[in-house]
């Protein structure tokens, strides 16, 4: 059974981090966000739950080096936290 489309909510830090991405990663990010909005559990996303005790925070692999970090909220909303190279993206978590 398909879920209704997921709402993607952007944090300010996410919007800022997108500006610094290479063009190829921006294209991959667009593809991943489209998949995430349709099915956040899609197998092709290479989804990984981060070990943050209080919150459901996840990582999606965009490339060998780049990651998208997001939080699942109630009511079918995903909050996009940041995107960047491995070291930058995982820094707060």
Protein backbone atom coordinates (compact mmCIF):
# COMPACT_ATOMS: atom_id res chain seq x y z
CA UNK A 1 0.00 0.00 0.00
CA UNK A 2 1.43 3.38 -0.99
CA UNK A 3 1.71 6.18 1.50
CA UNK A 4 0.49 9.67 0.66
CA UNK A 5 3.29 12.00 -0.36
CA UNK A 6 5.60 12.98 2.45
CA UNK A 7 6.07 16.66 3.28
CA UNK A 8 9.71 17.79 3.13
CA UNK A 9 10.48 20.62 5.54
CA UNK A 10 13.79 22.47 5.08
CA UNK A 11 15.92 23.75 7.94
CA UNK A 12 17.88 26.93 7.29
CA UNK A 13 21.18 25.07 7.71
CA UNK A 14 20.09 22.62 5.00
CA UNK A 15 19.38 25.41 2.52
CA UNK A 16 22.77 26.98 3.25
CA UNK A 17 24.62 23.68 2.88
CA UNK A 18 23.05 22.98 -0.55
CA UNK A 19 24.69 26.10 -1.99
CA UNK A 20 28.16 24.62 -1.48
CA UNK A 21 27.52 21.30 -3.20
CA UNK A 22 29.05 20.36 -6.56
CA UNK A 23 26.55 20.32 -9.47
CA UNK A 24 26.65 16.52 -9.76
CA UNK A 25 25.72 16.12 -6.07
CA UNK A 26 22.91 18.69 -6.41
CA UNK A 27 21.43 16.57 -9.22
CA UNK A 28 21.72 13.43 -7.09
CA UNK A 29 20.15 15.28 -4.14
CA UNK A 30 17.15 16.23 -6.29
CA UNK A 31 16.68 12.58 -7.28
CA UNK A 32 16.95 11.41 -3.67
CA UNK A 33 14.48 14.05 -2.42
CA UNK A 34 11.95 12.93 -5.04
CA UNK A 35 12.30 9.32 -3.89
CA UNK A 36 12.16 10.35 -0.23
CA UNK A 37 8.93 12.30 -0.81
CA UNK A 38 7.30 9.22 -2.40
CA UNK A 39 8.69 6.46 -0.18
CA UNK A 40 11.08 7.25 2.70
CA UNK A 41 11.78 3.53 3.13
CA UNK A 42 12.77 2.85 -0.50
CA UNK A 43 15.60 0.31 -0.63
CA UNK A 44 17.66 2.32 -3.12
CA UNK A 45 18.14 5.13 -0.61
CA UNK A 46 20.75 3.28 1.46
CA UNK A 47 19.04 4.63 4.56
CA UNK A 48 20.94 4.46 7.85
CA UNK A 49 19.52 5.34 11.27
CA UNK A 50 22.01 7.34 13.30
CA UNK A 51 22.64 6.44 16.90
CA UNK A 52 21.14 9.58 18.41
CA UNK A 53 19.26 8.46 21.52
CA UNK A 54 16.47 11.03 21.69
CA UNK A 55 15.59 11.51 18.02
CA UNK A 56 14.92 9.46 14.88
CA UNK A 57 17.69 10.92 12.69
CA UNK A 58 18.70 9.25 9.43
CA UNK A 59 21.41 9.47 6.81
CA UNK A 60 21.09 8.85 3.08
CA UNK A 61 24.15 8.26 0.93
CA UNK A 62 24.35 10.61 -2.07
CA UNK A 63 27.82 9.45 -3.10
CA UNK A 64 30.88 7.89 -1.54
CA UNK A 65 31.63 11.25 0.10
CA UNK A 66 28.31 13.11 0.49
CA UNK A 67 25.40 12.47 2.87
CA UNK A 68 21.91 13.88 3.47
CA UNK A 69 20.84 14.02 7.12
CA UNK A 70 17.17 14.26 8.07
CA UNK A 71 14.74 13.75 10.94
CA UNK A 72 11.36 12.05 10.70
CA UNK A 73 8.57 14.00 12.32
CA UNK A 74 4.98 12.99 12.97
CA UNK A 75 2.23 13.33 10.39
CA UNK A 76 4.34 12.28 7.39
CA UNK A 77 6.85 15.13 7.60
CA UNK A 78 10.58 14.84 7.04
CA UNK A 79 12.80 17.66 8.25
CA UNK A 80 15.94 18.03 6.13
CA UNK A 81 18.76 18.99 8.48
CA UNK A 82 21.92 19.19 6.39
CA UNK A 83 23.77 17.86 3.38
CA UNK A 84 27.48 17.76 2.79
CA UNK A 85 30.60 15.67 2.83
CA UNK A 86 30.79 12.85 5.33
CA UNK A 87 32.75 14.80 7.95
CA UNK A 88 30.53 17.92 7.76
CA UNK A 89 27.19 16.10 7.66
CA UNK A 90 27.86 13.84 10.66
CA UNK A 91 29.54 16.51 12.78
CA UNK A 92 26.52 17.43 14.96
CA UNK A 93 25.48 13.78 15.43
